[in-house]
């Protein structure tokens, strides 16, 4: 079950969206890149992650950082 604190499910969504747009990838294209790492996140889930509505697991955020060629520190806003 997702843990929700003050209505926010994750703190990385905004940075993920920013990095995805800088990489000129659609949400679907990011979803497909994640699939090559055996991480299955559909396009709708990417949208919900970016908006902060869906939690993102440690495995997912690691795969996203690799797919977008950004550091985990960047995604966590450090």
PDB file of N, CA and C in Angstrom:
ATOM      1  N   UNK A   1       0.838  -1.173   0.000  1.00  0.00           N
ATOM      2  CA  UNK A   1       0.000   0.000   0.000  1.00  0.00           C
ATOM      3  C   UNK A   1       0.887   1.241   0.000  1.00  0.00           C
ATOM      4  N   UNK A   2       0.498   2.220  -0.794  1.00  0.00           N
ATOM      5  CA  UNK A   2       1.270   3.463  -0.897  1.00  0.00           C
ATOM      6  C   UNK A   2       1.189   4.245   0.405  1.00  0.00           C
ATOM      7  N   UNK A   3       2.306   4.832   0.772  1.00  0.00           N
ATOM      8  CA  UNK A   3       2.342   5.725   1.925  1.00  0.00           C
ATOM      9  C   UNK A   3       2.239   7.148   1.429  1.00  0.00           C
ATOM     10  N   UNK A   4       1.232   7.841   1.889  1.00  0.00           N
ATOM     11  CA  UNK A   4       1.009   9.203   1.427  1.00  0.00           C
ATOM     12  C   UNK A   4       1.194  10.157   2.592  1.00  0.00           C
ATOM     13  N   UNK A   5       2.070  11.128   2.422  1.00  0.00           N
ATOM     14  CA  UNK A   5       2.322  12.136   3.445  1.00  0.00           C
ATOM     15  C   UNK A   5       1.893  13.476   2.868  1.00  0.00           C
ATOM     16  N   UNK A   6       0.907  14.088   3.483  1.00  0.00           N
ATOM     17  CA  UNK A   6       0.393  15.376   3.011  1.00  0.00           C
ATOM     18  C   UNK A   6       0.010  15.350   1.544  1.00  0.00           C
ATOM     19  N   UNK A   7      -0.511  14.232   1.049  1.00  0.00           N
ATOM     20  CA  UNK A   7      -0.981  14.149  -0.327  1.00  0.00           C
ATOM     21  C   UNK A   7       0.104  13.981  -1.377  1.00  0.00           C
ATOM     22  N   UNK A   8       1.365  13.880  -0.989  1.00  0.00           N
ATOM     23  CA  UNK A   8       2.457  13.716  -1.947  1.00  0.00           C
ATOM     24  C   UNK A   8       2.990  12.299  -1.836  1.00  0.00           C
ATOM     25  N   UNK A   9       3.034  11.600  -2.966  1.00  0.00           N
ATOM     26  CA  UNK A   9       3.518  10.220  -2.969  1.00  0.00           C
ATOM     27  C   UNK A   9       5.002  10.104  -3.272  1.00  0.00           C
ATOM     28  N   UNK A  10       5.565  11.126  -3.899  1.00  0.00           N
ATOM     29  CA  UNK A  10       7.002  11.094  -4.166  1.00  0.00           C
ATOM     30  C   UNK A  10       7.519  12.508  -4.361  1.00  0.00           C
ATOM     31  N   UNK A  11       8.809  12.660  -4.178  1.00  0.00           N
ATOM     32  CA  UNK A  11       9.419  13.990  -4.298  1.00  0.00           C
ATOM     33  C   UNK A  11      10.261  14.115  -5.567  1.00  0.00           C
ATOM     34  N   UNK A  12      10.271  13.088  -6.384  1.00  0.00           N
ATOM     35  CA  UNK A  12      11.119  13.084  -7.569  1.00  0.00           C
ATOM     36  C   UNK A  12      10.369  13.413  -8.847  1.00  0.00           C
ATOM     37  N   UNK A  13       9.069  13.426  -8.805  1.00  0.00           N
ATOM     38  CA  UNK A  13       8.267  13.561 -10.015  1.00  0.00           C
ATOM     39  C   UNK A  13       8.579  14.764 -10.871  1.00  0.00           C
ATOM     40  N   UNK A  14       8.705  15.911 -10.250  1.00  0.00           N
ATOM     41  CA  UNK A  14       8.975  17.136 -11.002  1.00  0.00           C
ATOM     42  C   UNK A  14      10.320  17.060 -11.714  1.00  0.00           C
ATOM     43  N   UNK A  15      11.320  16.547 -11.025  1.00  0.00           N
ATOM     44  CA  UNK A  15      12.655  16.426 -11.630  1.00  0.00           C
ATOM     45  C   UNK A  15      12.661  15.374 -12.746  1.00  0.00           C
ATOM     46  N   UNK A  16      11.899  14.292 -12.557  1.00  0.00           N
ATOM     47  CA  UNK A  16      11.809  13.266 -13.601  1.00  0.00           C
ATOM     48  C   UNK A  16      11.219  13.884 -14.864  1.00  0.00           C
ATOM     49  N   UNK A  17      10.138  14.643 -14.698  1.00  0.00           N
ATOM     50  CA  UNK A  17       9.508  15.286 -15.854  1.00  0.00           C
ATOM     51  C   UNK A  17      10.483  16.238 -16.543  1.00  0.00           C
ATOM     52  N   UNK A  18      11.177  17.036 -15.764  1.00  0.00           N
ATOM     53  CA  UNK A  18      12.143  17.988 -16.304  1.00  0.00           C
ATOM     54  C   UNK A  18      13.235  17.271 -17.090  1.00  0.00           C
ATOM     55  N   UNK A  19      13.791  16.211 -16.524  1.00  0.00           N
ATOM     56  CA  UNK A  19      14.863  15.464 -17.194  1.00  0.00           C
ATOM     57  C   UNK A  19      14.337  14.764 -18.446  1.00  0.00           C
ATOM     58  N   UNK A  20      13.128  14.238 -18.380  1.00  0.00           N
ATOM     59  CA  UNK A  20      12.530  13.572 -19.547  1.00  0.00           C
ATOM     60  C   UNK A  20      12.342  14.570 -20.687  1.00  0.00           C
ATOM     61  N   UNK A  21      11.853  15.746 -20.359  1.00  0.00           N
ATOM     62  CA  UNK A  21      11.645  16.761 -21.390  1.00  0.00           C
ATOM     63  C   UNK A  21      12.974  17.247 -21.969  1.00  0.00           C
ATOM     64  N   UNK A  22      13.988  17.408 -21.128  1.00  0.00           N
ATOM     65  CA  UNK A  22      15.314  17.801 -21.625  1.00  0.00           C
ATOM     66  C   UNK A  22      15.879  16.739 -22.566  1.00  0.00           C
ATOM     67  N   UNK A  23      15.566  15.477 -22.278  1.00  0.00           N
ATOM     68  CA  UNK A  23      16.029  14.374 -23.126  1.00  0.00           C
ATOM     69  C   UNK A  23      15.164  14.221 -24.376  1.00  0.00           C
ATOM     70  N   UNK A  24      14.132  15.056 -24.472  1.00  0.00           N
ATOM     71  CA  UNK A  24      13.206  15.025 -25.606  1.00  0.00           C
ATOM     72  C   UNK A  24      12.556  13.666 -25.793  1.00  0.00           C
ATOM     73  N   UNK A  25      12.138  13.090 -24.660  1.00  0.00           N
ATOM     74  CA  UNK A  25      11.434  11.809 -24.686  1.00  0.00           C
ATOM     75  C   UNK A  25       9.980  12.024 -24.300  1.00  0.00           C
ATOM     76  N   UNK A  26       9.106  11.284 -24.933  1.00  0.00           N
ATOM     77  CA  UNK A  26       7.712  11.272 -24.503  1.00  0.00           C
ATOM     78  C   UNK A  26       7.608  10.347 -23.293  1.00  0.00           C
ATOM     79  N   UNK A  27       6.485  10.410 -22.618  1.00  0.00           N
ATOM     80  CA  UNK A  27       6.273   9.495 -21.495  1.00  0.00           C
ATOM     81  C   UNK A  27       6.298   8.056 -21.983  1.00  0.00           C
ATOM     82  N   UNK A  28       5.727   7.810 -23.149  1.00  0.00           N
ATOM     83  CA  UNK A  28       5.728   6.455 -23.718  1.00  0.00           C
ATOM     84  C   UNK A  28       7.147   5.999 -24.022  1.00  0.00           C
ATOM     85  N   UNK A  29       7.961   6.893 -24.587  1.00  0.00           N
ATOM     86  CA  UNK A  29       9.347   6.532 -24.896  1.00  0.00           C
ATOM     87  C   UNK A  29      10.128   6.217 -23.620  1.00  0.00           C
ATOM     88  N   UNK A  30       9.899   6.977 -22.553  1.00  0.00           N
ATOM     89  CA  UNK A  30      10.562   6.666 -21.282  1.00  0.00           C
ATOM     90  C   UNK A  30      10.106   5.308 -20.782  1.00  0.00           C
ATOM     91  N   UNK A  31       8.813   5.040 -20.870  1.00  0.00           N
ATOM     92  CA  UNK A  31       8.281   3.744 -20.457  1.00  0.00           C
ATOM     93  C   UNK A  31       8.966   2.602 -21.211  1.00  0.00           C
ATOM     94  N   UNK A  32       9.162   2.794 -22.507  1.00  0.00           N
ATOM     95  CA  UNK A  32       9.820   1.775 -23.329  1.00  0.00           C
ATOM     96  C   UNK A  32      11.295   1.605 -22.965  1.00  0.00           C
ATOM     97  N   UNK A  33      11.982   2.708 -22.654  1.00  0.00           N
ATOM     98  CA  UNK A  33      13.382   2.618 -22.216  1.00  0.00           C
ATOM     99  C   UNK A  33      13.499   1.861 -20.894  1.00  0.00           C
ATOM    100  N   UNK A  34      12.534   2.087 -19.994  1.00  0.00           N
ATOM    101  CA  UNK A  34      12.551   1.379 -18.712  1.00  0.00           C
ATOM    102  C   UNK A  34      12.348  -0.114 -18.924  1.00  0.00           C
ATOM    103  N   UNK A  35      11.509  -0.456 -19.891  1.00  0.00           N
ATOM    104  CA  UNK A  35      11.241  -1.862 -20.183  1.00  0.00           C
ATOM    105  C   UNK A  35      12.510  -2.596 -20.601  1.00  0.00           C
ATOM    106  N   UNK A  36      13.451  -1.909 -21.248  1.00  0.00           N
ATOM    107  CA  UNK A  36      14.706  -2.560 -21.646  1.00  0.00           C
ATOM    108  C   UNK A  36      15.561  -2.914 -20.438  1.00  0.00           C
ATOM    109  N   UNK A  37      15.231  -2.297 -19.276  1.00  0.00           N
ATOM    110  CA  UNK A  37      15.930  -2.600 -18.023  1.00  0.00           C
ATOM    111  C   UNK A  37      15.100  -3.555 -17.155  1.00  0.00           C
ATOM    112  N   UNK A  38      14.047  -4.133 -17.746  1.00  0.00           N
ATOM    113  CA  UNK A  38      13.125  -5.028 -17.037  1.00  0.00           C
ATOM    114  C   UNK A  38      12.392  -4.318 -15.900  1.00  0.00           C
ATOM    115  N   UNK A  39      12.108  -3.035 -16.110  1.00  0.00           N
ATOM    116  CA  UNK A  39      11.312  -2.248 -15.171  1.00  0.00           C
ATOM    117  C   UNK A  39      10.073  -1.832 -15.949  1.00  0.00           C
ATOM    118  N   UNK A  40       8.920  -2.347 -15.541  1.00  0.00           N
ATOM    119  CA  UNK A  40       7.695  -2.165 -16.296  1.00  0.00           C
ATOM    120  C   UNK A  40       6.821  -1.088 -15.658  1.00  0.00           C
ATOM    121  N   UNK A  41       6.864   0.099 -16.256  1.00  0.00           N
ATOM    122  CA  UNK A  41       6.085   1.251 -15.818  1.00  0.00           C
ATOM    123  C   UNK A  41       5.372   1.764 -17.065  1.00  0.00           C
ATOM    124  N   UNK A  42       4.051   1.645 -17.106  1.00  0.00           N
ATOM    125  CA  UNK A  42       3.316   2.079 -18.291  1.00  0.00           C
ATOM    126  C   UNK A  42       3.317   3.597 -18.412  1.00  0.00           C
ATOM    127  N   UNK A  43       2.932   4.103 -19.566  1.00  0.00           N
ATOM    128  CA  UNK A  43       2.910   5.535 -19.817  1.00  0.00           C
ATOM    129  C   UNK A  43       2.042   6.275 -18.813  1.00  0.00           C
ATOM    130  N   UNK A  44       0.907   5.713 -18.461  1.00  0.00           N
ATOM    131  CA  UNK A  44       0.037   6.336 -17.469  1.00  0.00           C
ATOM    132  C   UNK A  44       0.691   6.433 -16.105  1.00  0.00           C
ATOM    133  N   UNK A  45       1.459   5.431 -15.755  1.00  0.00           N
ATOM    134  CA  UNK A  45       2.173   5.464 -14.475  1.00  0.00           C
ATOM    135  C   UNK A  45       3.279   6.505 -14.493  1.00  0.00           C
ATOM    136  N   UNK A  46       3.943   6.663 -15.641  1.00  0.00           N
ATOM    137  CA  UNK A  46       4.958   7.721 -15.757  1.00  0.00           C
ATOM    138  C   UNK A  46       4.294   9.071 -15.500  1.00  0.00           C
ATOM    139  N   UNK A  47       3.129   9.275 -16.078  1.00  0.00           N
ATOM    140  CA  UNK A  47       2.392  10.523 -15.882  1.00  0.00           C
ATOM    141  C   UNK A  47       2.073  10.755 -14.408  1.00  0.00           C
ATOM    142  N   UNK A  48       1.594   9.709 -13.733  1.00  0.00           N
ATOM    143  CA  UNK A  48       1.247   9.833 -12.314  1.00  0.00           C
ATOM    144  C   UNK A  48       2.484  10.021 -11.437  1.00  0.00           C
ATOM    145  N   UNK A  49       3.604   9.412 -11.809  1.00  0.00           N
ATOM    146  CA  UNK A  49       4.861   9.626 -11.077  1.00  0.00           C
ATOM    147  C   UNK A  49       5.270  11.082 -11.213  1.00  0.00           C
ATOM    148  N   UNK A  50       5.227  11.593 -12.435  1.00  0.00           N
ATOM    149  CA  UNK A  50       5.648  12.974 -12.676  1.00  0.00           C
ATOM    150  C   UNK A  50       4.772  13.985 -11.940  1.00  0.00           C
ATOM    151  N   UNK A  51       3.502  13.671 -11.791  1.00  0.00           N
ATOM    152  CA  UNK A  51       2.599  14.599 -11.098  1.00  0.00           C
ATOM    153  C   UNK A  51       2.624  14.412  -9.583  1.00  0.00           C
ATOM    154  N   UNK A  52       3.360  13.396  -9.114  1.00  0.00           N
ATOM    155  CA  UNK A  52       3.453  13.141  -7.682  1.00  0.00           C
ATOM    156  C   UNK A  52       2.299  12.337  -7.126  1.00  0.00           C
ATOM    157  N   UNK A  53       1.435  11.826  -7.985  1.00  0.00           N
ATOM    158  CA  UNK A  53       0.263  11.063  -7.552  1.00  0.00           C
ATOM    159  C   UNK A  53       0.584   9.597  -7.252  1.00  0.00           C
ATOM    160  N   UNK A  54       1.694   9.095  -7.781  1.00  0.00           N
ATOM    161  CA  UNK A  54       2.053   7.678  -7.627  1.00  0.00           C
ATOM    162  C   UNK A  54       3.420   7.587  -6.967  1.00  0.00           C
ATOM    163  N   UNK A  55       3.542   6.604  -6.105  1.00  0.00           N
ATOM    164  CA  UNK A  55       4.845   6.360  -5.494  1.00  0.00           C
ATOM    165  C   UNK A  55       5.797   5.817  -6.557  1.00  0.00           C
ATOM    166  N   UNK A  56       7.047   5.978  -6.308  1.00  0.00           N
ATOM    167  CA  UNK A  56       8.072   5.434  -7.198  1.00  0.00           C
ATOM    168  C   UNK A  56       9.009   4.606  -6.325  1.00  0.00           C
ATOM    169  N   UNK A  57       9.237   3.377  -6.736  1.00  0.00           N
ATOM    170  CA  UNK A  57      10.076   2.486  -5.935  1.00  0.00           C
ATOM    171  C   UNK A  57      11.543   2.819  -6.148  1.00  0.00           C
ATOM    172  N   UNK A  58      12.366   2.283  -5.278  1.00  0.00           N
ATOM    173  CA  UNK A  58      13.808   2.506  -5.415  1.00  0.00           C
ATOM    174  C   UNK A  58      14.326   1.927  -6.727  1.00  0.00           C
ATOM    175  N   UNK A  59      13.824   0.788  -7.126  1.00  0.00           N
ATOM    176  CA  UNK A  59      14.247   0.166  -8.383  1.00  0.00           C
ATOM    177  C   UNK A  59      13.826   1.036  -9.559  1.00  0.00           C
ATOM    178  N   UNK A  60      12.600   1.579  -9.501  1.00  0.00           N
ATOM    179  CA  UNK A  60      12.113   2.431 -10.587  1.00  0.00           C
ATOM    180  C   UNK A  60      12.908   3.721 -10.697  1.00  0.00           C
ATOM    181  N   UNK A  61      13.154   4.383  -9.575  1.00  0.00           N
ATOM    182  CA  UNK A  61      13.873   5.657  -9.646  1.00  0.00           C
ATOM    183  C   UNK A  61      15.313   5.445 -10.107  1.00  0.00           C
ATOM    184  N   UNK A  62      15.914   4.336  -9.743  1.00  0.00           N
ATOM    185  CA  UNK A  62      17.259   4.024 -10.226  1.00  0.00           C
ATOM    186  C   UNK A  62      17.244   3.809 -11.738  1.00  0.00           C
ATOM    187  N   UNK A  63      16.269   3.051 -12.233  1.00  0.00           N
ATOM    188  CA  UNK A  63      16.160   2.798 -13.669  1.00  0.00           C
ATOM    189  C   UNK A  63      15.853   4.088 -14.429  1.00  0.00           C
ATOM    190  N   UNK A  64      15.018   4.939 -13.864  1.00  0.00           N
ATOM    191  CA  UNK A  64      14.685   6.210 -14.502  1.00  0.00           C
ATOM    192  C   UNK A  64      15.939   7.082 -14.614  1.00  0.00           C
ATOM    193  N   UNK A  65      16.738   7.123 -13.559  1.00  0.00           N
ATOM    194  CA  UNK A  65      17.962   7.938 -13.616  1.00  0.00           C
ATOM    195  C   UNK A  65      18.895   7.437 -14.714  1.00  0.00           C
ATOM    196  N   UNK A  66      18.983   6.132 -14.864  1.00  0.00           N
ATOM    197  CA  UNK A  66      19.837   5.569 -15.918  1.00  0.00           C
ATOM    198  C   UNK A  66      19.259   5.847 -17.305  1.00  0.00           C
ATOM    199  N   UNK A  67      17.949   5.711 -17.449  1.00  0.00           N
ATOM    200  CA  UNK A  67      17.301   5.932 -18.742  1.00  0.00           C
ATOM    201  C   UNK A  67      17.409   7.383 -19.187  1.00  0.00           C
ATOM    202  N   UNK A  68      17.422   8.298 -18.225  1.00  0.00           N
ATOM    203  CA  UNK A  68      17.478   9.723 -18.545  1.00  0.00           C
ATOM    204  C   UNK A  68      18.890  10.305 -18.434  1.00  0.00           C
ATOM    205  N   UNK A  69      19.864   9.460 -18.074  1.00  0.00           N
ATOM    206  CA  UNK A  69      21.267   9.880 -17.933  1.00  0.00           C
ATOM    207  C   UNK A  69      21.420  11.039 -16.942  1.00  0.00           C
ATOM    208  N   UNK A  70      20.749  10.911 -15.801  1.00  0.00           N
ATOM    209  CA  UNK A  70      20.892  11.886 -14.718  1.00  0.00           C
ATOM    210  C   UNK A  70      21.195  11.127 -13.431  1.00  0.00           C
ATOM    211  N   UNK A  71      21.757  11.823 -12.470  1.00  0.00           N
ATOM    212  CA  UNK A  71      22.102  11.173 -11.203  1.00  0.00           C
ATOM    213  C   UNK A  71      20.877  11.068 -10.295  1.00  0.00           C
ATOM    214  N   UNK A  72      20.964  10.160  -9.349  1.00  0.00           N
ATOM    215  CA  UNK A  72      19.923  10.060  -8.332  1.00  0.00           C
ATOM    216  C   UNK A  72      19.887  11.333  -7.507  1.00  0.00           C
ATOM    217  N   UNK A  73      21.040  11.916  -7.230  1.00  0.00           N
ATOM    218  CA  UNK A  73      21.087  13.179  -6.505  1.00  0.00           C
ATOM    219  C   UNK A  73      20.268  14.247  -7.227  1.00  0.00           C
ATOM    220  N   UNK A  74      20.391  14.301  -8.543  1.00  0.00           N
ATOM    221  CA  UNK A  74      19.622  15.273  -9.310  1.00  0.00           C
ATOM    222  C   UNK A  74      18.113  15.025  -9.117  1.00  0.00           C
ATOM    223  N   UNK A  75      17.695  13.764  -9.242  1.00  0.00           N
ATOM    224  CA  UNK A  75      16.266  13.461  -9.136  1.00  0.00           C
ATOM    225  C   UNK A  75      15.727  13.775  -7.746  1.00  0.00           C
ATOM    226  N   UNK A  76      16.567  13.658  -6.730  1.00  0.00           N
ATOM    227  CA  UNK A  76      16.127  13.959  -5.375  1.00  0.00           C
ATOM    228  C   UNK A  76      16.358  15.429  -5.008  1.00  0.00           C
ATOM    229  N   UNK A  77      16.787  16.223  -6.000  1.00  0.00           N
ATOM    230  CA  UNK A  77      16.896  17.650  -5.797  1.00  0.00           C
ATOM    231  C   UNK A  77      18.084  18.104  -4.981  1.00  0.00           C
ATOM    232  N   UNK A  78      19.139  17.305  -4.989  1.00  0.00           N
ATOM    233  CA  UNK A  78      20.334  17.678  -4.224  1.00  0.00           C
ATOM    234  C   UNK A  78      21.372  18.324  -5.091  1.00  0.00           C
TER     235      UNK A  78
END
